[in-house]
Amino acid sequence: MVIQSYSFFPTNIWAGELDVDNEKLLKRIYKFSKKTKSSTYSNVGGYQGHLFRDKELCDKIMECMPRAKELSSYNFYDWVNINKKGDSNKRHFHYATNLFLSGVYYVKVPENSGRIRFYDPRGPFVRVAADTAHFIGKNEYNFVVPQEGMVLFFPTWLEHDVEENETDEDRVSVSFNIEAY
């Protein structure tokens, strides 16, 4: 007897690497941070500057964005994150009905500067069920270890956070939401 397996409710996270001059981008980010006030959304400490609007980075991200078909139109909204030692980002999501995907591009990632953690969206009841524990595991969350040049795309509704930066160097990233029409 052949048993077929269906995977009906997977949650995809896409990862890639962009060809970006991170040194130049880092200079633009620090210049931007000096003239733009920090916001407080998910950050615990650290700097979060909205409306960075770096066209070169946006174009590169949109070139590799996962999609089943071309979008007729879109809006790209990005913000800068600079996390110093002890800074982190609390658990949150980016959900709004007009959002297509969320993501983050890693500009500077010193070792031990914090992993991004994605939480199982199915809730605790699924994780404690015997079949889930046996076939999949009881993970409440999974980590991705960021690398400089890495871009991640994920569903806007997927809860995530970022661990505390344990180094004396800044962790710098550009987060984004993509609206599709």
N, C-alpha and C. Protein backbone atom coordinates (compact mmCIF):
# COMPACT_ATOMS: atom_id res chain seq x y z
N MET A 1 0.85 -1.18 0.00
CA MET A 1 0.00 0.00 0.00
C MET A 1 0.89 1.25 0.00
N VAL A 2 0.56 2.20 -0.83
CA VAL A 2 1.29 3.47 -0.89
C VAL A 2 0.49 4.51 -0.11
N ILE A 3 1.16 5.17 0.80
CA ILE A 3 0.50 6.22 1.58
C ILE A 3 0.99 7.56 1.06
N GLN A 4 0.07 8.40 0.70
CA GLN A 4 0.41 9.73 0.19
C GLN A 4 0.25 10.76 1.31
N SER A 5 1.14 11.72 1.35
CA SER A 5 1.10 12.76 2.39
C SER A 5 0.76 14.10 1.75
N TYR A 6 -0.14 14.83 2.35
CA TYR A 6 -0.49 16.18 1.91
C TYR A 6 -0.05 17.16 2.99
N SER A 7 0.45 18.28 2.58
CA SER A 7 0.83 19.32 3.53
C SER A 7 -0.08 20.51 3.26
N PHE A 8 -1.15 20.63 4.01
CA PHE A 8 -2.18 21.62 3.72
C PHE A 8 -1.93 23.01 4.29
N PHE A 9 -1.26 23.12 5.40
CA PHE A 9 -1.16 24.42 6.06
C PHE A 9 0.29 24.84 6.36
N PRO A 10 1.18 24.71 5.38
CA PRO A 10 2.55 25.13 5.65
C PRO A 10 2.65 26.65 5.72
N THR A 11 3.65 27.13 6.40
CA THR A 11 3.93 28.57 6.45
C THR A 11 5.29 28.77 5.83
N ASN A 12 5.31 29.40 4.68
CA ASN A 12 6.57 29.62 3.97
C ASN A 12 7.29 30.86 4.47
N ILE A 13 8.59 30.73 4.58
CA ILE A 13 9.50 31.85 4.77
C ILE A 13 10.55 31.69 3.69
N TRP A 14 10.74 32.73 2.89
CA TRP A 14 11.67 32.66 1.79
C TRP A 14 12.94 33.42 2.16
N ALA A 15 14.10 32.85 1.83
CA ALA A 15 15.38 33.50 2.12
C ALA A 15 16.20 33.57 0.84
N GLY A 16 16.92 34.66 0.69
CA GLY A 16 17.81 34.83 -0.45
C GLY A 16 18.96 35.74 -0.06
N GLU A 17 19.81 35.99 -1.03
CA GLU A 17 20.94 36.88 -0.80
C GLU A 17 20.92 37.94 -1.89
N LEU A 18 21.07 39.20 -1.48
CA LEU A 18 21.07 40.30 -2.43
C LEU A 18 22.49 40.78 -2.69
N ASP A 19 22.73 41.22 -3.90
CA ASP A 19 24.01 41.82 -4.27
C ASP A 19 23.90 43.32 -4.05
N VAL A 20 24.21 43.75 -2.83
CA VAL A 20 24.10 45.15 -2.42
C VAL A 20 25.43 45.56 -1.80
N ASP A 21 25.86 46.78 -2.06
CA ASP A 21 27.06 47.31 -1.41
C ASP A 21 26.65 47.75 -0.01
N ASN A 22 26.83 46.87 0.95
CA ASN A 22 26.37 47.13 2.32
C ASN A 22 27.13 48.27 2.99
N GLU A 23 28.37 48.50 2.61
CA GLU A 23 29.12 49.62 3.20
C GLU A 23 28.47 50.96 2.81
N LYS A 24 28.13 51.10 1.54
CA LYS A 24 27.45 52.34 1.08
C LYS A 24 26.07 52.45 1.71
N LEU A 25 25.36 51.34 1.75
CA LEU A 25 24.02 51.33 2.34
C LEU A 25 24.09 51.70 3.82
N LEU A 26 25.07 51.18 4.53
CA LEU A 26 25.25 51.49 5.94
C LEU A 26 25.47 52.99 6.16
N LYS A 27 26.26 53.61 5.31
CA LYS A 27 26.48 55.06 5.41
C LYS A 27 25.18 55.82 5.20
N ARG A 28 24.38 55.40 4.21
CA ARG A 28 23.08 56.06 3.97
C ARG A 28 22.15 55.88 5.17
N ILE A 29 22.19 54.70 5.77
CA ILE A 29 21.33 54.42 6.93
C ILE A 29 21.71 55.30 8.11
N TYR A 30 23.00 55.39 8.44
CA TYR A 30 23.41 56.22 9.57
C TYR A 30 23.13 57.70 9.31
N LYS A 31 23.30 58.15 8.09
CA LYS A 31 22.97 59.54 7.73
C LYS A 31 21.47 59.78 7.92
N PHE A 32 20.67 58.83 7.46
CA PHE A 32 19.22 58.90 7.61
C PHE A 32 18.83 58.94 9.09
N SER A 33 19.49 58.12 9.91
CA SER A 33 19.14 58.03 11.33
C SER A 33 19.45 59.32 12.08
N LYS A 34 20.40 60.10 11.60
CA LYS A 34 20.74 61.37 12.26
C LYS A 34 19.70 62.46 12.00
N LYS A 35 18.96 62.34 10.91
CA LYS A 35 17.99 63.38 10.57
C LYS A 35 16.52 62.93 10.69
N THR A 36 16.32 61.67 11.09
CA THR A 36 14.96 61.13 11.19
C THR A 36 14.72 60.63 12.61
N LYS A 37 13.63 61.06 13.19
CA LYS A 37 13.28 60.67 14.56
C LYS A 37 12.95 59.18 14.64
N SER A 38 13.34 58.56 15.73
CA SER A 38 13.05 57.15 15.97
C SER A 38 11.60 56.98 16.40
N SER A 39 10.99 55.91 15.92
CA SER A 39 9.64 55.53 16.31
C SER A 39 9.70 54.37 17.28
N THR A 40 8.62 54.14 17.97
CA THR A 40 8.54 53.00 18.87
C THR A 40 7.38 52.11 18.44
N TYR A 41 7.70 51.01 17.80
CA TYR A 41 6.69 50.03 17.43
C TYR A 41 7.04 48.72 18.14
N SER A 42 7.92 47.96 17.55
CA SER A 42 8.29 46.69 18.16
C SER A 42 9.64 46.76 18.86
N ASN A 43 10.36 47.86 18.66
CA ASN A 43 11.71 47.91 19.21
C ASN A 43 11.72 48.12 20.72
N VAL A 44 12.65 47.43 21.36
CA VAL A 44 12.91 47.58 22.78
C VAL A 44 14.31 48.18 22.84
N GLY A 45 14.38 49.49 23.00
CA GLY A 45 15.63 50.20 22.81
C GLY A 45 15.87 50.32 21.32
N GLY A 46 17.00 50.77 20.94
CA GLY A 46 17.35 50.81 19.53
C GLY A 46 16.64 51.91 18.76
N TYR A 47 16.99 52.01 17.51
CA TYR A 47 16.46 53.03 16.60
C TYR A 47 15.60 52.36 15.55
N GLN A 48 14.45 52.96 15.27
CA GLN A 48 13.56 52.49 14.21
C GLN A 48 13.09 53.72 13.43
N GLY A 49 13.67 53.92 12.26
CA GLY A 49 13.36 55.10 11.45
C GLY A 49 12.56 54.73 10.22
N HIS A 50 11.37 55.31 10.12
CA HIS A 50 10.45 54.95 9.04
C HIS A 50 10.65 55.82 7.81
N LEU A 51 10.18 55.28 6.67
CA LEU A 51 10.23 55.93 5.37
C LEU A 51 11.66 56.15 4.90
N PHE A 52 12.48 55.11 4.98
CA PHE A 52 13.87 55.17 4.52
C PHE A 52 13.93 55.40 3.02
N ARG A 53 13.12 54.68 2.27
CA ARG A 53 12.94 54.87 0.83
C ARG A 53 14.24 54.84 0.03
N ASP A 54 14.95 53.75 0.12
CA ASP A 54 16.16 53.57 -0.66
C ASP A 54 15.79 52.83 -1.95
N LYS A 55 15.76 53.54 -3.07
CA LYS A 55 15.28 52.97 -4.33
C LYS A 55 16.10 51.77 -4.79
N GLU A 56 17.42 51.85 -4.67
CA GLU A 56 18.28 50.76 -5.11
C GLU A 56 17.97 49.48 -4.34
N LEU A 57 17.84 49.58 -3.02
CA LEU A 57 17.52 48.41 -2.21
C LEU A 57 16.12 47.90 -2.54
N CYS A 58 15.17 48.81 -2.65
CA CYS A 58 13.80 48.43 -2.99
C CYS A 58 13.75 47.65 -4.30
N ASP A 59 14.43 48.15 -5.32
CA ASP A 59 14.42 47.48 -6.63
C ASP A 59 15.00 46.08 -6.53
N LYS A 60 16.09 45.92 -5.79
CA LYS A 60 16.71 44.59 -5.65
C LYS A 60 15.80 43.63 -4.90
N ILE A 61 15.13 44.12 -3.87
CA ILE A 61 14.20 43.28 -3.11
C ILE A 61 13.03 42.86 -3.99
N MET A 62 12.48 43.81 -4.74
CA MET A 62 11.33 43.50 -5.59
C MET A 62 11.69 42.54 -6.72
N GLU A 63 12.95 42.57 -7.19
CA GLU A 63 13.39 41.65 -8.24
C GLU A 63 13.32 40.20 -7.78
N CYS A 64 13.64 39.95 -6.52
CA CYS A 64 13.69 38.56 -6.05
C CYS A 64 12.49 38.16 -5.18
N MET A 65 11.52 39.06 -5.04
CA MET A 65 10.35 38.76 -4.21
C MET A 65 9.61 37.53 -4.74
N PRO A 66 9.30 36.57 -3.87
CA PRO A 66 8.54 35.40 -4.33
C PRO A 66 7.12 35.80 -4.72
N ARG A 67 6.67 35.27 -5.83
CA ARG A 67 5.31 35.55 -6.28
C ARG A 67 4.91 34.50 -7.32
N ALA A 68 3.64 34.22 -7.37
CA ALA A 68 3.13 33.25 -8.33
C ALA A 68 2.90 33.90 -9.69
N LYS A 69 2.68 35.23 -9.68
CA LYS A 69 2.48 35.99 -10.92
C LYS A 69 2.92 37.42 -10.67
N GLU A 70 3.05 38.17 -11.73
CA GLU A 70 3.45 39.57 -11.60
C GLU A 70 2.34 40.37 -10.91
N LEU A 71 2.74 41.34 -10.12
CA LEU A 71 1.78 42.22 -9.47
C LEU A 71 1.47 43.38 -10.41
N SER A 72 0.21 43.76 -10.49
CA SER A 72 -0.13 44.88 -11.36
C SER A 72 0.42 46.19 -10.81
N SER A 73 0.39 46.33 -9.50
CA SER A 73 1.02 47.49 -8.87
C SER A 73 1.30 47.15 -7.41
N TYR A 74 2.24 47.89 -6.83
CA TYR A 74 2.60 47.63 -5.45
C TYR A 74 3.12 48.91 -4.82
N ASN A 75 3.16 48.90 -3.50
CA ASN A 75 3.76 49.97 -2.72
C ASN A 75 4.75 49.32 -1.77
N PHE A 76 5.96 49.87 -1.73
CA PHE A 76 7.03 49.34 -0.90
C PHE A 76 7.25 50.31 0.25
N TYR A 77 7.09 49.83 1.48
CA TYR A 77 7.24 50.67 2.67
C TYR A 77 8.36 50.08 3.52
N ASP A 78 9.42 50.87 3.75
CA ASP A 78 10.54 50.32 4.50
C ASP A 78 10.93 51.20 5.69
N TRP A 79 11.63 50.58 6.63
CA TRP A 79 12.13 51.30 7.80
C TRP A 79 13.44 50.68 8.25
N VAL A 80 14.23 51.49 8.92
CA VAL A 80 15.58 51.11 9.35
C VAL A 80 15.55 50.70 10.81
N ASN A 81 16.30 49.65 11.14
CA ASN A 81 16.47 49.19 12.52
C ASN A 81 17.96 49.21 12.86
N ILE A 82 18.30 49.93 13.91
CA ILE A 82 19.67 49.91 14.42
C ILE A 82 19.58 49.49 15.88
N ASN A 83 20.05 48.29 16.16
CA ASN A 83 19.99 47.75 17.52
C ASN A 83 21.39 47.68 18.09
N LYS A 84 21.59 48.43 19.16
CA LYS A 84 22.86 48.42 19.88
C LYS A 84 22.83 47.30 20.93
N LYS A 85 23.88 47.17 21.68
CA LYS A 85 23.95 46.14 22.72
C LYS A 85 22.75 46.26 23.66
N GLY A 86 22.08 45.14 23.90
CA GLY A 86 20.92 45.11 24.79
C GLY A 86 19.59 45.39 24.11
N ASP A 87 19.59 45.85 22.87
CA ASP A 87 18.35 46.16 22.15
C ASP A 87 17.77 44.90 21.51
N SER A 88 16.44 44.90 21.35
CA SER A 88 15.76 43.77 20.73
C SER A 88 14.47 44.27 20.09
N ASN A 89 13.69 43.34 19.55
CA ASN A 89 12.36 43.65 19.02
C ASN A 89 11.38 42.66 19.62
N LYS A 90 10.31 43.18 20.23
CA LYS A 90 9.34 42.31 20.89
C LYS A 90 8.44 41.62 19.86
N ARG A 91 7.75 40.60 20.32
CA ARG A 91 6.86 39.79 19.48
C ARG A 91 5.78 40.68 18.86
N HIS A 92 5.64 40.55 17.53
CA HIS A 92 4.67 41.36 16.81
C HIS A 92 4.39 40.75 15.43
N PHE A 93 3.48 41.34 14.72
CA PHE A 93 3.21 40.96 13.33
C PHE A 93 2.88 42.24 12.57
N HIS A 94 2.78 42.16 11.25
CA HIS A 94 2.59 43.34 10.41
C HIS A 94 1.24 43.33 9.70
N TYR A 95 0.28 42.64 10.21
CA TYR A 95 -0.94 42.39 9.45
C TYR A 95 -1.77 43.63 9.16
N ALA A 96 -2.16 43.74 7.93
CA ALA A 96 -3.19 44.66 7.44
C ALA A 96 -3.74 44.02 6.18
N THR A 97 -4.99 44.25 5.86
CA THR A 97 -5.61 43.54 4.74
C THR A 97 -4.98 43.86 3.39
N ASN A 98 -4.31 45.00 3.26
CA ASN A 98 -3.73 45.36 1.98
C ASN A 98 -2.27 44.91 1.83
N LEU A 99 -1.71 44.25 2.82
CA LEU A 99 -0.31 43.85 2.73
C LEU A 99 -0.17 42.50 2.04
N PHE A 100 0.86 42.40 1.22
CA PHE A 100 1.15 41.20 0.44
C PHE A 100 2.20 40.35 1.14
N LEU A 101 3.33 40.94 1.48
CA LEU A 101 4.42 40.25 2.17
C LEU A 101 5.15 41.23 3.08
N SER A 102 5.81 40.70 4.08
CA SER A 102 6.70 41.47 4.93
C SER A 102 8.09 40.87 4.78
N GLY A 103 9.09 41.60 5.25
CA GLY A 103 10.43 41.06 5.15
C GLY A 103 11.46 41.93 5.83
N VAL A 104 12.70 41.46 5.73
CA VAL A 104 13.83 42.18 6.33
C VAL A 104 15.08 41.89 5.50
N TYR A 105 15.89 42.93 5.33
CA TYR A 105 17.19 42.79 4.69
C TYR A 105 18.25 43.11 5.74
N TYR A 106 19.27 42.25 5.84
CA TYR A 106 20.30 42.40 6.87
C TYR A 106 21.54 43.09 6.29
N VAL A 107 21.82 44.28 6.81
CA VAL A 107 22.93 45.09 6.34
C VAL A 107 24.20 44.79 7.14
N LYS A 108 24.09 44.73 8.46
CA LYS A 108 25.23 44.46 9.32
C LYS A 108 24.78 43.52 10.43
N VAL A 109 25.44 42.38 10.54
CA VAL A 109 25.03 41.35 11.49
C VAL A 109 26.26 40.78 12.20
N PRO A 110 26.70 41.42 13.28
CA PRO A 110 27.80 40.83 14.04
C PRO A 110 27.35 39.50 14.67
N GLU A 111 28.30 38.62 14.92
CA GLU A 111 27.97 37.35 15.57
C GLU A 111 27.36 37.63 16.95
N ASN A 112 26.33 36.88 17.30
CA ASN A 112 25.60 37.00 18.57
C ASN A 112 24.83 38.32 18.70
N SER A 113 24.42 38.87 17.56
CA SER A 113 23.66 40.12 17.63
C SER A 113 22.16 39.90 17.59
N GLY A 114 21.72 38.65 17.64
CA GLY A 114 20.30 38.34 17.74
C GLY A 114 19.74 37.63 16.52
N ARG A 115 19.01 36.55 16.79
CA ARG A 115 18.33 35.81 15.73
C ARG A 115 16.90 36.30 15.62
N ILE A 116 16.29 36.10 14.47
CA ILE A 116 14.86 36.38 14.31
C ILE A 116 14.13 35.07 14.60
N ARG A 117 13.04 35.19 15.36
CA ARG A 117 12.27 34.01 15.79
C ARG A 117 10.87 34.13 15.20
N PHE A 118 10.42 33.06 14.56
CA PHE A 118 9.07 32.99 14.00
C PHE A 118 8.25 32.00 14.81
N TYR A 119 7.04 32.42 15.18
CA TYR A 119 6.17 31.62 16.04
C TYR A 119 5.18 30.81 15.21
N ASP A 120 4.91 29.59 15.66
CA ASP A 120 3.94 28.71 15.01
C ASP A 120 2.57 29.39 15.03
N PRO A 121 1.98 29.66 13.88
CA PRO A 121 0.70 30.38 13.84
C PRO A 121 -0.51 29.52 14.19
N ARG A 122 -0.31 28.21 14.34
CA ARG A 122 -1.45 27.32 14.56
C ARG A 122 -1.92 27.29 16.00
N GLY A 123 -1.16 27.86 16.91
CA GLY A 123 -1.59 27.91 18.30
C GLY A 123 -1.16 26.71 19.10
N PRO A 124 -1.35 26.78 20.42
CA PRO A 124 -0.83 25.74 21.32
C PRO A 124 -1.55 24.41 21.22
N PHE A 125 -2.81 24.38 20.80
CA PHE A 125 -3.55 23.12 20.79
C PHE A 125 -2.97 22.15 19.77
N VAL A 126 -2.52 22.67 18.65
CA VAL A 126 -1.94 21.81 17.62
C VAL A 126 -0.62 21.21 18.10
N ARG A 127 0.18 22.00 18.78
CA ARG A 127 1.50 21.53 19.23
C ARG A 127 1.42 20.42 20.26
N VAL A 128 0.37 20.38 21.06
CA VAL A 128 0.28 19.35 22.09
C VAL A 128 -0.45 18.10 21.61
N ALA A 129 -1.02 18.14 20.42
CA ALA A 129 -1.68 16.96 19.88
C ALA A 129 -0.64 15.88 19.60
N ALA A 130 -1.00 14.62 19.89
CA ALA A 130 -0.05 13.51 19.76
C ALA A 130 0.49 13.38 18.34
N ASP A 131 -0.37 13.55 17.33
CA ASP A 131 0.11 13.39 15.95
C ASP A 131 1.11 14.48 15.56
N THR A 132 0.87 15.71 16.00
CA THR A 132 1.80 16.80 15.69
C THR A 132 3.14 16.53 16.35
N ALA A 133 3.11 16.17 17.62
CA ALA A 133 4.35 15.91 18.35
C ALA A 133 5.13 14.76 17.69
N HIS A 134 4.42 13.74 17.23
CA HIS A 134 5.08 12.57 16.65
C HIS A 134 5.68 12.86 15.27
N PHE A 135 4.92 13.52 14.41
CA PHE A 135 5.36 13.72 13.02
C PHE A 135 6.13 15.02 12.79
N ILE A 136 5.82 16.04 13.53
CA ILE A 136 6.40 17.36 13.25
C ILE A 136 7.26 17.87 14.41
N GLY A 137 6.82 17.67 15.61
CA GLY A 137 7.53 18.19 16.77
C GLY A 137 6.71 19.23 17.48
N LYS A 138 7.12 19.55 18.69
CA LYS A 138 6.35 20.47 19.52
C LYS A 138 6.89 21.89 19.50
N ASN A 139 7.62 22.27 18.47
CA ASN A 139 8.22 23.60 18.44
C ASN A 139 7.18 24.70 18.46
N GLU A 140 7.32 25.58 19.43
CA GLU A 140 6.46 26.76 19.50
C GLU A 140 6.98 27.82 18.54
N TYR A 141 8.26 27.74 18.24
CA TYR A 141 8.88 28.72 17.35
C TYR A 141 10.13 28.12 16.72
N ASN A 142 10.60 28.78 15.67
CA ASN A 142 11.85 28.42 15.02
C ASN A 142 12.65 29.69 14.76
N PHE A 143 13.97 29.55 14.78
CA PHE A 143 14.86 30.68 14.57
C PHE A 143 15.47 30.66 13.16
N VAL A 144 15.77 31.84 12.67
CA VAL A 144 16.62 32.00 11.50
C VAL A 144 17.80 32.84 11.97
N VAL A 145 19.00 32.37 11.67
CA VAL A 145 20.21 33.12 12.02
C VAL A 145 20.53 34.02 10.84
N PRO A 146 20.41 35.34 11.04
CA PRO A 146 20.63 36.25 9.91
C PRO A 146 22.10 36.33 9.51
N GLN A 147 22.31 36.62 8.26
CA GLN A 147 23.64 36.83 7.69
C GLN A 147 23.62 38.16 6.93
N GLU A 148 24.74 38.83 6.88
CA GLU A 148 24.81 40.05 6.08
C GLU A 148 24.50 39.73 4.63
N GLY A 149 23.64 40.54 4.03
CA GLY A 149 23.23 40.33 2.64
C GLY A 149 22.00 39.47 2.48
N MET A 150 21.51 38.86 3.58
CA MET A 150 20.33 37.99 3.52
C MET A 150 19.06 38.82 3.47
N VAL A 151 18.13 38.38 2.65
CA VAL A 151 16.79 38.96 2.65
C VAL A 151 15.82 37.83 2.99
N LEU A 152 14.88 38.14 3.89
CA LEU A 152 13.83 37.20 4.26
C LEU A 152 12.48 37.79 3.87
N PHE A 153 11.61 36.97 3.35
CA PHE A 153 10.22 37.33 3.07
C PHE A 153 9.34 36.40 3.90
N PHE A 154 8.25 36.93 4.47
CA PHE A 154 7.36 36.10 5.27
C PHE A 154 5.96 36.69 5.25
N PRO A 155 4.95 35.86 5.55
CA PRO A 155 3.58 36.35 5.59
C PRO A 155 3.44 37.47 6.63
N THR A 156 2.65 38.46 6.31
CA THR A 156 2.50 39.64 7.18
C THR A 156 1.90 39.27 8.54
N TRP A 157 1.12 38.20 8.58
CA TRP A 157 0.44 37.81 9.81
C TRP A 157 1.30 36.92 10.72
N LEU A 158 2.49 36.55 10.27
CA LEU A 158 3.32 35.63 11.04
C LEU A 158 4.04 36.38 12.17
N GLU A 159 3.74 35.96 13.40
CA GLU A 159 4.35 36.61 14.56
C GLU A 159 5.85 36.29 14.62
N HIS A 160 6.61 37.31 15.01
CA HIS A 160 8.05 37.17 15.09
C HIS A 160 8.62 38.17 16.10
N ASP A 161 9.84 37.93 16.52
CA ASP A 161 10.58 38.87 17.36
C ASP A 161 12.05 38.71 17.04
N VAL A 162 12.88 39.55 17.63
CA VAL A 162 14.33 39.48 17.43
C VAL A 162 14.99 39.47 18.79
N GLU A 163 15.90 38.55 18.97
CA GLU A 163 16.61 38.43 20.24
C GLU A 163 17.47 39.68 20.51
N GLU A 164 17.84 39.79 21.76
CA GLU A 164 18.69 40.89 22.20
C GLU A 164 20.07 40.82 21.54
N ASN A 165 20.56 42.00 21.16
CA ASN A 165 21.92 42.10 20.62
C ASN A 165 22.89 41.98 21.80
N GLU A 166 23.74 40.97 21.78
CA GLU A 166 24.68 40.73 22.88
C GLU A 166 26.08 41.24 22.58
N THR A 167 26.26 41.95 21.47
CA THR A 167 27.60 42.42 21.09
C THR A 167 27.72 43.92 21.32
N ASP A 168 28.93 44.42 21.21
CA ASP A 168 29.17 45.85 21.33
C ASP A 168 28.99 46.58 19.99
N GLU A 169 28.72 45.83 18.93
CA GLU A 169 28.50 46.41 17.60
C GLU A 169 27.01 46.49 17.29
N ASP A 170 26.65 47.42 16.43
CA ASP A 170 25.26 47.57 16.00
C ASP A 170 24.84 46.43 15.08
N ARG A 171 23.61 45.97 15.24
CA ARG A 171 22.96 45.11 14.24
C ARG A 171 22.07 46.04 13.43
N VAL A 172 22.23 46.05 12.11
CA VAL A 172 21.51 46.99 11.26
C VAL A 172 20.74 46.22 10.20
N SER A 173 19.45 46.53 10.09
CA SER A 173 18.61 45.88 9.09
C SER A 173 17.61 46.88 8.54
N VAL A 174 17.03 46.53 7.41
CA VAL A 174 15.96 47.32 6.81
C VAL A 174 14.76 46.39 6.70
N SER A 175 13.70 46.71 7.41
CA SER A 175 12.47 45.92 7.36
C SER A 175 11.53 46.55 6.35
N PHE A 176 10.58 45.76 5.85
CA PHE A 176 9.68 46.30 4.84
C PHE A 176 8.36 45.54 4.81
N ASN A 177 7.37 46.24 4.31
CA ASN A 177 6.07 45.65 3.94
C ASN A 177 5.82 45.98 2.48
N ILE A 178 5.21 45.04 1.79
CA ILE A 178 4.86 45.24 0.38
C ILE A 178 3.35 45.17 0.27
N GLU A 179 2.76 46.26 -0.18
CA GLU A 179 1.32 46.28 -0.47
C GLU A 179 1.14 45.92 -1.93
N ALA A 180 0.17 45.08 -2.23
CA ALA A 180 -0.09 44.69 -3.62
C ALA A 180 -1.53 45.03 -3.97
N TYR A 181 -1.71 45.41 -5.21
CA TYR A 181 -3.05 45.79 -5.68
C TYR A 181 -3.44 44.95 -6.88
